[in-house]
């Protein structure tokens, strides 16, 4: 069964929850967050439960919005899933890791 953390909310989770209904809410922090993930910033990765990029920084990141609903008992027994999710829209276009600058005279 999913755990409940009421009334405490993890800060990043709460920020992400408010991001979907109001994209303007994210202007000040979401872009820098994605940039730091693309650079493999250790402090930023520590905000996540586990590092989704254990082999190094990702080449691209995109964000999508899904609607989550609890499954009913029949669905839970049939699939073992507590949640049913439905794709709503893309939140951001795919963002690429910046290409590092090469020193002059090097291929």
PDB file of N, CA and C in Angstrom:
ATOM      1  N   UNK A   1       0.843  -1.175   0.000  1.00  0.00           N
ATOM      2  CA  UNK A   1       0.000   0.000   0.000  1.00  0.00           C
ATOM      3  C   UNK A   1       0.894   1.246   0.000  1.00  0.00           C
ATOM      4  N   UNK A   2       0.547   2.271  -0.786  1.00  0.00           N
ATOM      5  CA  UNK A   2       1.357   3.491  -0.795  1.00  0.00           C
ATOM      6  C   UNK A   2       1.374   4.132   0.590  1.00  0.00           C
ATOM      7  N   UNK A   3       2.559   4.637   0.969  1.00  0.00           N
ATOM      8  CA  UNK A   3       2.678   5.308   2.263  1.00  0.00           C
ATOM      9  C   UNK A   3       2.103   6.716   2.174  1.00  0.00           C
ATOM     10  N   UNK A   4       1.649   7.238   3.294  1.00  0.00           N
ATOM     11  CA  UNK A   4       1.138   8.599   3.354  1.00  0.00           C
ATOM     12  C   UNK A   4       2.021   9.414   4.277  1.00  0.00           C
ATOM     13  N   UNK A   5       2.360  10.610   3.863  1.00  0.00           N
ATOM     14  CA  UNK A   5       3.253  11.465   4.625  1.00  0.00           C
ATOM     15  C   UNK A   5       2.528  12.717   5.115  1.00  0.00           C
ATOM     16  N   UNK A   6       1.263  12.620   5.436  1.00  0.00           N
ATOM     17  CA  UNK A   6       0.491  13.791   5.850  1.00  0.00           C
ATOM     18  C   UNK A   6       0.803  14.120   7.300  1.00  0.00           C
ATOM     19  N   UNK A   7       0.838  15.358   7.703  1.00  0.00           N
ATOM     20  CA  UNK A   7       0.695  16.548   6.850  1.00  0.00           C
ATOM     21  C   UNK A   7       2.006  16.970   6.193  1.00  0.00           C
ATOM     22  N   UNK A   8       3.096  16.222   6.415  1.00  0.00           N
ATOM     23  CA  UNK A   8       4.393  16.575   5.868  1.00  0.00           C
ATOM     24  C   UNK A   8       4.459  16.254   4.374  1.00  0.00           C
ATOM     25  N   UNK A   9       4.995  17.196   3.599  1.00  0.00           N
ATOM     26  CA  UNK A   9       5.197  16.977   2.166  1.00  0.00           C
ATOM     27  C   UNK A   9       6.673  17.200   1.860  1.00  0.00           C
ATOM     28  N   UNK A  10       7.257  16.302   1.128  1.00  0.00           N
ATOM     29  CA  UNK A  10       8.628  16.505   0.681  1.00  0.00           C
ATOM     30  C   UNK A  10       8.650  17.734  -0.226  1.00  0.00           C
ATOM     31  N   UNK A  11       9.607  18.567  -0.052  1.00  0.00           N
ATOM     32  CA  UNK A  11       9.599  19.857  -0.729  1.00  0.00           C
ATOM     33  C   UNK A  11       9.583  19.743  -2.251  1.00  0.00           C
ATOM     34  N   UNK A  12      10.462  18.943  -2.836  1.00  0.00           N
ATOM     35  CA  UNK A  12      10.502  18.820  -4.294  1.00  0.00           C
ATOM     36  C   UNK A  12       9.199  18.210  -4.810  1.00  0.00           C
ATOM     37  N   UNK A  13       8.685  17.191  -4.125  1.00  0.00           N
ATOM     38  CA  UNK A  13       7.408  16.599  -4.540  1.00  0.00           C
ATOM     39  C   UNK A  13       6.304  17.644  -4.573  1.00  0.00           C
ATOM     40  N   UNK A  14       6.270  18.479  -3.563  1.00  0.00           N
ATOM     41  CA  UNK A  14       5.227  19.507  -3.492  1.00  0.00           C
ATOM     42  C   UNK A  14       5.401  20.532  -4.616  1.00  0.00           C
ATOM     43  N   UNK A  15       6.641  20.936  -4.880  1.00  0.00           N
ATOM     44  CA  UNK A  15       6.881  21.872  -5.978  1.00  0.00           C
ATOM     45  C   UNK A  15       6.419  21.281  -7.307  1.00  0.00           C
ATOM     46  N   UNK A  16       6.717  20.005  -7.536  1.00  0.00           N
ATOM     47  CA  UNK A  16       6.312  19.353  -8.781  1.00  0.00           C
ATOM     48  C   UNK A  16       4.797  19.250  -8.879  1.00  0.00           C
ATOM     49  N   UNK A  17       4.143  19.002  -7.744  1.00  0.00           N
ATOM     50  CA  UNK A  17       2.678  18.884  -7.752  1.00  0.00           C
ATOM     51  C   UNK A  17       2.049  20.193  -8.204  1.00  0.00           C
ATOM     52  N   UNK A  18       2.576  21.320  -7.742  1.00  0.00           N
ATOM     53  CA  UNK A  18       2.026  22.620  -8.141  1.00  0.00           C
ATOM     54  C   UNK A  18       2.454  23.026  -9.541  1.00  0.00           C
ATOM     55  N   UNK A  19       3.484  22.430 -10.067  1.00  0.00           N
ATOM     56  CA  UNK A  19       3.976  22.795 -11.395  1.00  0.00           C
ATOM     57  C   UNK A  19       2.977  22.437 -12.491  1.00  0.00           C
ATOM     58  N   UNK A  20       2.359  21.273 -12.395  1.00  0.00           N
ATOM     59  CA  UNK A  20       1.473  20.812 -13.468  1.00  0.00           C
ATOM     60  C   UNK A  20       0.288  21.747 -13.716  1.00  0.00           C
ATOM     61  N   UNK A  21      -0.463  22.160 -12.701  1.00  0.00           N
ATOM     62  CA  UNK A  21      -1.595  23.043 -12.992  1.00  0.00           C
ATOM     63  C   UNK A  21      -1.190  24.481 -13.290  1.00  0.00           C
ATOM     64  N   UNK A  22       0.033  24.883 -12.928  1.00  0.00           N
ATOM     65  CA  UNK A  22       0.447  26.272 -13.121  1.00  0.00           C
ATOM     66  C   UNK A  22       1.898  26.348 -13.586  1.00  0.00           C
ATOM     67  N   UNK A  23       2.149  26.166 -14.878  1.00  0.00           N
ATOM     68  CA  UNK A  23       3.531  26.189 -15.376  1.00  0.00           C
ATOM     69  C   UNK A  23       4.281  27.481 -15.056  1.00  0.00           C
ATOM     70  N   UNK A  24       3.579  28.610 -14.918  1.00  0.00           N
ATOM     71  CA  UNK A  24       4.281  29.856 -14.582  1.00  0.00           C
ATOM     72  C   UNK A  24       4.896  29.780 -13.194  1.00  0.00           C
ATOM     73  N   UNK A  25       4.369  28.922 -12.353  1.00  0.00           N
ATOM     74  CA  UNK A  25       4.896  28.728 -11.000  1.00  0.00           C
ATOM     75  C   UNK A  25       6.337  28.206 -11.033  1.00  0.00           C
ATOM     76  N   UNK A  26       6.701  27.533 -12.101  1.00  0.00           N
ATOM     77  CA  UNK A  26       8.011  26.882 -12.172  1.00  0.00           C
ATOM     78  C   UNK A  26       9.098  27.733 -12.805  1.00  0.00           C
ATOM     79  N   UNK A  27       8.760  28.897 -13.300  1.00  0.00           N
ATOM     80  CA  UNK A  27       9.747  29.685 -14.066  1.00  0.00           C
ATOM     81  C   UNK A  27      11.070  29.889 -13.332  1.00  0.00           C
ATOM     82  N   UNK A  28      11.002  30.134 -12.045  1.00  0.00           N
ATOM     83  CA  UNK A  28      12.222  30.478 -11.322  1.00  0.00           C
ATOM     84  C   UNK A  28      13.091  29.274 -10.948  1.00  0.00           C
ATOM     85  N   UNK A  29      12.534  28.061 -10.918  1.00  0.00           N
ATOM     86  CA  UNK A  29      13.331  26.946 -10.408  1.00  0.00           C
ATOM     87  C   UNK A  29      13.400  25.727 -11.316  1.00  0.00           C
ATOM     88  N   UNK A  30      12.428  25.503 -12.195  1.00  0.00           N
ATOM     89  CA  UNK A  30      12.424  24.260 -12.953  1.00  0.00           C
ATOM     90  C   UNK A  30      13.535  24.207 -14.003  1.00  0.00           C
ATOM     91  N   UNK A  31      13.766  25.295 -14.720  1.00  0.00           N
ATOM     92  CA  UNK A  31      14.847  25.333 -15.713  1.00  0.00           C
ATOM     93  C   UNK A  31      16.200  25.057 -15.092  1.00  0.00           C
ATOM     94  N   UNK A  32      16.562  25.770 -14.006  1.00  0.00           N
ATOM     95  CA  UNK A  32      17.833  25.467 -13.343  1.00  0.00           C
ATOM     96  C   UNK A  32      17.905  24.036 -12.798  1.00  0.00           C
ATOM     97  N   UNK A  33      16.786  23.499 -12.331  1.00  0.00           N
ATOM     98  CA  UNK A  33      16.743  22.116 -11.852  1.00  0.00           C
ATOM     99  C   UNK A  33      17.112  21.145 -12.972  1.00  0.00           C
ATOM    100  N   UNK A  34      16.492  21.327 -14.140  1.00  0.00           N
ATOM    101  CA  UNK A  34      16.780  20.459 -15.294  1.00  0.00           C
ATOM    102  C   UNK A  34      18.232  20.626 -15.736  1.00  0.00           C
ATOM    103  N   UNK A  35      18.724  21.856 -15.778  1.00  0.00           N
ATOM    104  CA  UNK A  35      20.123  22.088 -16.175  1.00  0.00           C
ATOM    105  C   UNK A  35      21.090  21.364 -15.242  1.00  0.00           C
ATOM    106  N   UNK A  36      20.815  21.408 -13.963  1.00  0.00           N
ATOM    107  CA  UNK A  36      21.704  20.735 -13.003  1.00  0.00           C
ATOM    108  C   UNK A  36      21.620  19.214 -13.136  1.00  0.00           C
ATOM    109  N   UNK A  37      20.430  18.690 -13.437  1.00  0.00           N
ATOM    110  CA  UNK A  37      20.322  17.254 -13.689  1.00  0.00           C
ATOM    111  C   UNK A  37      21.143  16.869 -14.914  1.00  0.00           C
ATOM    112  N   UNK A  38      21.085  17.686 -15.957  1.00  0.00           N
ATOM    113  CA  UNK A  38      21.847  17.406 -17.175  1.00  0.00           C
ATOM    114  C   UNK A  38      23.349  17.466 -16.932  1.00  0.00           C
ATOM    115  N   UNK A  39      23.782  18.243 -15.963  1.00  0.00           N
ATOM    116  CA  UNK A  39      25.211  18.322 -15.622  1.00  0.00           C
ATOM    117  C   UNK A  39      25.615  17.243 -14.633  1.00  0.00           C
ATOM    118  N   UNK A  40      24.638  16.537 -14.066  1.00  0.00           N
ATOM    119  CA  UNK A  40      24.955  15.513 -13.074  1.00  0.00           C
ATOM    120  C   UNK A  40      25.330  16.100 -11.726  1.00  0.00           C
ATOM    121  N   UNK A  41      24.773  17.258 -11.388  1.00  0.00           N
ATOM    122  CA  UNK A  41      25.083  17.933 -10.136  1.00  0.00           C
ATOM    123  C   UNK A  41      24.709  17.055  -8.939  1.00  0.00           C
ATOM    124  N   UNK A  42      25.693  16.717  -8.119  1.00  0.00           N
ATOM    125  CA  UNK A  42      25.491  15.783  -7.011  1.00  0.00           C
ATOM    126  C   UNK A  42      24.457  16.287  -6.005  1.00  0.00           C
ATOM    127  N   UNK A  43      24.506  17.570  -5.646  1.00  0.00           N
ATOM    128  CA  UNK A  43      23.556  18.099  -4.673  1.00  0.00           C
ATOM    129  C   UNK A  43      22.124  18.067  -5.199  1.00  0.00           C
ATOM    130  N   UNK A  44      21.954  18.314  -6.481  1.00  0.00           N
ATOM    131  CA  UNK A  44      20.616  18.258  -7.075  1.00  0.00           C
ATOM    132  C   UNK A  44      20.114  16.823  -7.118  1.00  0.00           C
ATOM    133  N   UNK A  45      20.961  15.892  -7.472  1.00  0.00           N
ATOM    134  CA  UNK A  45      20.558  14.480  -7.504  1.00  0.00           C
ATOM    135  C   UNK A  45      20.170  13.973  -6.121  1.00  0.00           C
ATOM    136  N   UNK A  46      20.738  14.548  -5.067  1.00  0.00           N
ATOM    137  CA  UNK A  46      20.391  14.128  -3.715  1.00  0.00           C
ATOM    138  C   UNK A  46      18.962  14.521  -3.337  1.00  0.00           C
ATOM    139  N   UNK A  47      18.338  15.411  -4.104  1.00  0.00           N
ATOM    140  CA  UNK A  47      16.936  15.763  -3.865  1.00  0.00           C
ATOM    141  C   UNK A  47      15.989  14.623  -4.254  1.00  0.00           C
ATOM    142  N   UNK A  48      16.495  13.685  -5.035  1.00  0.00           N
ATOM    143  CA  UNK A  48      15.682  12.564  -5.514  1.00  0.00           C
ATOM    144  C   UNK A  48      15.891  11.352  -4.612  1.00  0.00           C
ATOM    145  N   UNK A  49      14.892  10.494  -4.533  1.00  0.00           N
ATOM    146  CA  UNK A  49      15.000   9.292  -3.684  1.00  0.00           C
ATOM    147  C   UNK A  49      16.171   8.419  -4.118  1.00  0.00           C
ATOM    148  N   UNK A  50      16.312   8.220  -5.419  1.00  0.00           N
ATOM    149  CA  UNK A  50      17.463   7.479  -5.959  1.00  0.00           C
ATOM    150  C   UNK A  50      17.907   8.178  -7.230  1.00  0.00           C
ATOM    151  N   UNK A  51      19.159   7.968  -7.588  1.00  0.00           N
ATOM    152  CA  UNK A  51      19.709   8.594  -8.786  1.00  0.00           C
ATOM    153  C   UNK A  51      19.201   7.840 -10.016  1.00  0.00           C
ATOM    154  N   UNK A  52      18.355   8.495 -10.832  1.00  0.00           N
ATOM    155  CA  UNK A  52      17.857   7.805 -12.037  1.00  0.00           C
ATOM    156  C   UNK A  52      18.903   7.720 -13.150  1.00  0.00           C
ATOM    157  N   UNK A  53      20.058   8.336 -12.948  1.00  0.00           N
ATOM    158  CA  UNK A  53      21.114   8.361 -13.954  1.00  0.00           C
ATOM    159  C   UNK A  53      22.419   7.837 -13.347  1.00  0.00           C
ATOM    160  N   UNK A  54      22.468   6.572 -12.913  1.00  0.00           N
ATOM    161  CA  UNK A  54      23.654   6.074 -12.203  1.00  0.00           C
ATOM    162  C   UNK A  54      24.906   5.993 -13.070  1.00  0.00           C
ATOM    163  N   UNK A  55      24.752   5.930 -14.379  1.00  0.00           N
ATOM    164  CA  UNK A  55      25.912   5.791 -15.269  1.00  0.00           C
ATOM    165  C   UNK A  55      26.457   7.122 -15.758  1.00  0.00           C
ATOM    166  N   UNK A  56      25.902   8.221 -15.306  1.00  0.00           N
ATOM    167  CA  UNK A  56      26.350   9.541 -15.736  1.00  0.00           C
ATOM    168  C   UNK A  56      25.164  10.391 -16.120  1.00  0.00           C
ATOM    169  N   UNK A  57      25.390  11.672 -16.339  1.00  0.00           N
ATOM    170  CA  UNK A  57      24.294  12.577 -16.666  1.00  0.00           C
ATOM    171  C   UNK A  57      23.568  12.151 -17.939  1.00  0.00           C
ATOM    172  N   UNK A  58      22.265  12.391 -18.001  1.00  0.00           N
ATOM    173  CA  UNK A  58      21.516  12.028 -19.205  1.00  0.00           C
ATOM    174  C   UNK A  58      21.847  12.979 -20.357  1.00  0.00           C
ATOM    175  N   UNK A  59      21.617  12.524 -21.574  1.00  0.00           N
ATOM    176  CA  UNK A  59      21.825  13.375 -22.742  1.00  0.00           C
ATOM    177  C   UNK A  59      20.645  14.316 -22.955  1.00  0.00           C
ATOM    178  N   UNK A  60      19.441  13.872 -22.569  1.00  0.00           N
ATOM    179  CA  UNK A  60      18.217  14.663 -22.733  1.00  0.00           C
ATOM    180  C   UNK A  60      17.305  14.448 -21.525  1.00  0.00           C
ATOM    181  N   UNK A  61      16.482  15.448 -21.247  1.00  0.00           N
ATOM    182  CA  UNK A  61      15.435  15.330 -20.222  1.00  0.00           C
ATOM    183  C   UNK A  61      14.178  15.961 -20.782  1.00  0.00           C
ATOM    184  N   UNK A  62      13.052  15.318 -20.511  1.00  0.00           N
ATOM    185  CA  UNK A  62      11.762  15.913 -20.821  1.00  0.00           C
ATOM    186  C   UNK A  62      10.864  15.696 -19.604  1.00  0.00           C
ATOM    187  N   UNK A  63       9.861  16.500 -19.509  1.00  0.00           N
ATOM    188  CA  UNK A  63       8.907  16.363 -18.399  1.00  0.00           C
ATOM    189  C   UNK A  63       7.513  16.228 -18.995  1.00  0.00           C
ATOM    190  N   UNK A  64       6.735  15.315 -18.432  1.00  0.00           N
ATOM    191  CA  UNK A  64       5.368  15.066 -18.891  1.00  0.00           C
ATOM    192  C   UNK A  64       4.414  15.173 -17.714  1.00  0.00           C
ATOM    193  N   UNK A  65       3.172  15.463 -18.023  1.00  0.00           N
ATOM    194  CA  UNK A  65       2.125  15.537 -17.008  1.00  0.00           C
ATOM    195  C   UNK A  65       1.215  14.323 -17.169  1.00  0.00           C
ATOM    196  N   UNK A  66       0.964  13.619 -16.070  1.00  0.00           N
ATOM    197  CA  UNK A  66       0.051  12.483 -16.035  1.00  0.00           C
ATOM    198  C   UNK A  66      -1.007  12.737 -14.970  1.00  0.00           C
ATOM    199  N   UNK A  67      -2.184  12.208 -15.177  1.00  0.00           N
ATOM    200  CA  UNK A  67      -3.235  12.217 -14.161  1.00  0.00           C
ATOM    201  C   UNK A  67      -3.198  10.851 -13.479  1.00  0.00           C
ATOM    202  N   UNK A  68      -3.111  10.852 -12.165  1.00  0.00           N
ATOM    203  CA  UNK A  68      -3.062   9.615 -11.386  1.00  0.00           C
ATOM    204  C   UNK A  68      -4.376   9.434 -10.648  1.00  0.00           C
ATOM    205  N   UNK A  69      -4.864   8.206 -10.663  1.00  0.00           N
ATOM    206  CA  UNK A  69      -6.067   7.846  -9.920  1.00  0.00           C
ATOM    207  C   UNK A  69      -5.825   6.495  -9.268  1.00  0.00           C
ATOM    208  N   UNK A  70      -6.421   6.311  -8.100  1.00  0.00           N
ATOM    209  CA  UNK A  70      -6.345   4.998  -7.480  1.00  0.00           C
ATOM    210  C   UNK A  70      -7.091   3.993  -8.341  1.00  0.00           C
ATOM    211  N   UNK A  71      -6.592   2.778  -8.425  1.00  0.00           N
ATOM    212  CA  UNK A  71      -7.337   1.710  -9.082  1.00  0.00           C
ATOM    213  C   UNK A  71      -8.417   1.220  -8.109  1.00  0.00           C
ATOM    214  N   UNK A  72      -9.412   0.566  -8.633  1.00  0.00           N
ATOM    215  CA  UNK A  72     -10.397  -0.052  -7.744  1.00  0.00           C
ATOM    216  C   UNK A  72      -9.849  -1.413  -7.308  1.00  0.00           C
ATOM    217  N   UNK A  73     -10.564  -2.088  -6.387  1.00  0.00           N
ATOM    218  CA  UNK A  73     -10.072  -3.365  -5.868  1.00  0.00           C
ATOM    219  C   UNK A  73      -9.894  -4.398  -6.972  1.00  0.00           C
ATOM    220  N   UNK A  74     -10.787  -4.399  -7.931  1.00  0.00           N
ATOM    221  CA  UNK A  74     -10.685  -5.365  -9.035  1.00  0.00           C
ATOM    222  C   UNK A  74      -9.405  -5.105  -9.836  1.00  0.00           C
ATOM    223  N   UNK A  75      -9.155  -3.847 -10.139  1.00  0.00           N
ATOM    224  CA  UNK A  75      -7.937  -3.501 -10.871  1.00  0.00           C
ATOM    225  C   UNK A  75      -6.680  -3.801 -10.084  1.00  0.00           C
ATOM    226  N   UNK A  76      -6.713  -3.544  -8.780  1.00  0.00           N
ATOM    227  CA  UNK A  76      -5.565  -3.838  -7.928  1.00  0.00           C
ATOM    228  C   UNK A  76      -5.267  -5.331  -7.922  1.00  0.00           C
ATOM    229  N   UNK A  77      -6.303  -6.157  -7.776  1.00  0.00           N
ATOM    230  CA  UNK A  77      -6.091  -7.613  -7.770  1.00  0.00           C
ATOM    231  C   UNK A  77      -5.614  -8.113  -9.123  1.00  0.00           C
ATOM    232  N   UNK A  78      -6.125  -7.532 -10.193  1.00  0.00           N
ATOM    233  CA  UNK A  78      -5.756  -8.002 -11.534  1.00  0.00           C
ATOM    234  C   UNK A  78      -4.340  -7.592 -11.935  1.00  0.00           C
ATOM    235  N   UNK A  79      -3.927  -6.370 -11.542  1.00  0.00           N
ATOM    236  CA  UNK A  79      -2.642  -5.852 -12.013  1.00  0.00           C
ATOM    237  C   UNK A  79      -1.598  -5.701 -10.915  1.00  0.00           C
ATOM    238  N   UNK A  80      -2.031  -5.634  -9.656  1.00  0.00           N
ATOM    239  CA  UNK A  80      -1.105  -5.379  -8.562  1.00  0.00           C
ATOM    240  C   UNK A  80      -0.712  -3.914  -8.455  1.00  0.00           C
ATOM    241  N   UNK A  81      -1.348  -3.057  -9.226  1.00  0.00           N
ATOM    242  CA  UNK A  81      -1.023  -1.627  -9.238  1.00  0.00           C
ATOM    243  C   UNK A  81      -2.034  -0.830  -8.429  1.00  0.00           C
ATOM    244  N   UNK A  82      -1.521   0.046  -7.571  1.00  0.00           N
ATOM    245  CA  UNK A  82      -2.386   0.912  -6.773  1.00  0.00           C
ATOM    246  C   UNK A  82      -2.863   2.109  -7.573  1.00  0.00           C
ATOM    247  N   UNK A  83      -2.095   2.481  -8.608  1.00  0.00           N
ATOM    248  CA  UNK A  83      -2.384   3.688  -9.379  1.00  0.00           C
ATOM    249  C   UNK A  83      -2.653   3.362 -10.835  1.00  0.00           C
ATOM    250  N   UNK A  84      -3.488   4.175 -11.440  1.00  0.00           N
ATOM    251  CA  UNK A  84      -3.701   4.149 -12.893  1.00  0.00           C
ATOM    252  C   UNK A  84      -3.320   5.545 -13.359  1.00  0.00           C
ATOM    253  N   UNK A  85      -2.476   5.626 -14.363  1.00  0.00           N
ATOM    254  CA  UNK A  85      -2.086   6.944 -14.837  1.00  0.00           C
ATOM    255  C   UNK A  85      -2.475   7.126 -16.286  1.00  0.00           C
ATOM    256  N   UNK A  86      -2.812   8.366 -16.616  1.00  0.00           N
ATOM    257  CA  UNK A  86      -3.222   8.733 -17.962  1.00  0.00           C
ATOM    258  C   UNK A  86      -2.371   9.918 -18.408  1.00  0.00           C
ATOM    259  N   UNK A  87      -1.761   9.802 -19.569  1.00  0.00           N
ATOM    260  CA  UNK A  87      -0.957  10.898 -20.113  1.00  0.00           C
ATOM    261  C   UNK A  87      -1.870  12.095 -20.382  1.00  0.00           C
ATOM    262  N   UNK A  88      -1.428  13.289 -19.963  1.00  0.00           N
ATOM    263  CA  UNK A  88      -2.201  14.512 -20.187  1.00  0.00           C
ATOM    264  C   UNK A  88      -1.539  15.370 -21.262  1.00  0.00           C
ATOM    265  N   UNK A  89      -0.241  15.696 -21.050  1.00  0.00           N
ATOM    266  CA  UNK A  89       0.461  16.556 -22.014  1.00  0.00           C
ATOM    267  C   UNK A  89       1.943  16.582 -21.673  1.00  0.00           C
ATOM    268  N   UNK A  90       2.730  17.092 -22.611  1.00  0.00           N
ATOM    269  CA  UNK A  90       4.135  17.346 -22.313  1.00  0.00           C
ATOM    270  C   UNK A  90       4.221  18.618 -21.482  1.00  0.00           C
ATOM    271  N   UNK A  91       5.073  18.602 -20.485  1.00  0.00           N
ATOM    272  CA  UNK A  91       5.282  19.789 -19.653  1.00  0.00           C
ATOM    273  C   UNK A  91       6.400  20.640 -20.240  1.00  0.00           C
ATOM    274  N   UNK A  92       7.463  19.963 -20.700  1.00  0.00           N
ATOM    275  CA  UNK A  92       8.554  20.651 -21.394  1.00  0.00           C
ATOM    276  C   UNK A  92       8.961  19.830 -22.604  1.00  0.00           C
ATOM    277  N   UNK A  93       9.508  20.484 -23.559  1.00  0.00           N
ATOM    278  CA  UNK A  93      10.084  19.779 -24.707  1.00  0.00           C
ATOM    279  C   UNK A  93      11.357  19.094 -24.227  1.00  0.00           C
ATOM    280  N   UNK A  94      11.870  18.120 -24.960  1.00  0.00           N
ATOM    281  CA  UNK A  94      13.148  17.522 -24.559  1.00  0.00           C
ATOM    282  C   UNK A  94      14.257  18.573 -24.558  1.00  0.00           C
ATOM    283  N   UNK A  95      15.043  18.558 -23.513  1.00  0.00           N
ATOM    284  CA  UNK A  95      16.150  19.502 -23.356  1.00  0.00           C
ATOM    285  C   UNK A  95      17.438  18.688 -23.408  1.00  0.00           C
ATOM    286  N   UNK A  96      18.394  19.145 -24.224  1.00  0.00           N
ATOM    287  CA  UNK A  96      19.651  18.410 -24.400  1.00  0.00           C
ATOM    288  C   UNK A  96      20.737  18.950 -23.485  1.00  0.00           C
ATOM    289  N   UNK A  97      21.639  18.059 -23.108  1.00  0.00           N
ATOM    290  CA  UNK A  97      22.826  18.447 -22.350  1.00  0.00           C
ATOM    291  C   UNK A  97      23.678  19.338 -23.239  1.00  0.00           C
ATOM    292  N   UNK A  98      24.200  20.437 -22.698  1.00  0.00           N
ATOM    293  CA  UNK A  98      25.064  21.291 -23.524  1.00  0.00           C
ATOM    294  C   UNK A  98      26.321  20.537 -23.959  1.00  0.00           C
ATOM    295  N   UNK A  99      26.741  20.783 -25.166  1.00  0.00           N
ATOM    296  CA  UNK A  99      27.968  20.177 -25.683  1.00  0.00           C
ATOM    297  C   UNK A  99      29.136  20.950 -25.089  1.00  0.00           C
ATOM    298  N   UNK A 100      30.096  20.262 -24.439  1.00  0.00           N
ATOM    299  CA  UNK A 100      31.221  20.986 -23.844  1.00  0.00           C
ATOM    300  C   UNK A 100      32.058  21.677 -24.911  1.00  0.00           C
ATOM    301  N   UNK A 101      32.567  22.846 -24.567  1.00  0.00           N
ATOM    302  CA  UNK A 101      33.420  23.577 -25.510  1.00  0.00           C
ATOM    303  C   UNK A 101      34.761  22.865 -25.629  1.00  0.00           C
ATOM    304  N   UNK A 102      35.279  22.787 -26.834  1.00  0.00           N
ATOM    305  CA  UNK A 102      36.584  22.154 -27.070  1.00  0.00           C
ATOM    306  C   UNK A 102      37.661  23.229 -27.091  1.00  0.00           C
ATOM    307  N   UNK A 103      38.813  22.935 -26.545  1.00  0.00           N
ATOM    308  CA  UNK A 103      39.908  23.911 -26.617  1.00  0.00           C
ATOM    309  C   UNK A 103      40.283  24.167 -28.083  1.00  0.00           C
ATOM    310  N   UNK A 104      40.729  25.363 -28.422  1.00  0.00           N
ATOM    311  CA  UNK A 104      41.113  25.656 -29.814  1.00  0.00           C
ATOM    312  C   UNK A 104      42.185  24.686 -30.305  1.00  0.00           C
ATOM    313  N   UNK A 105      42.086  24.294 -31.569  1.00  0.00           N
ATOM    314  CA  UNK A 105      43.057  23.408 -32.185  1.00  0.00           C
ATOM    315  C   UNK A 105      42.831  21.931 -31.921  1.00  0.00           C
ATOM    316  N   UNK A 106      41.784  21.583 -31.194  1.00  0.00           N
ATOM    317  CA  UNK A 106      41.483  20.165 -30.931  1.00  0.00           C
ATOM    318  C   UNK A 106      40.261  19.768 -31.725  1.00  0.00           C
ATOM    319  N   UNK A 107      40.260  18.548 -32.280  1.00  0.00           N
ATOM    320  CA  UNK A 107      39.087  18.092 -33.057  1.00  0.00           C
ATOM    321  C   UNK A 107      37.905  17.797 -32.170  1.00  0.00           C
TER     322      UNK A 107
END
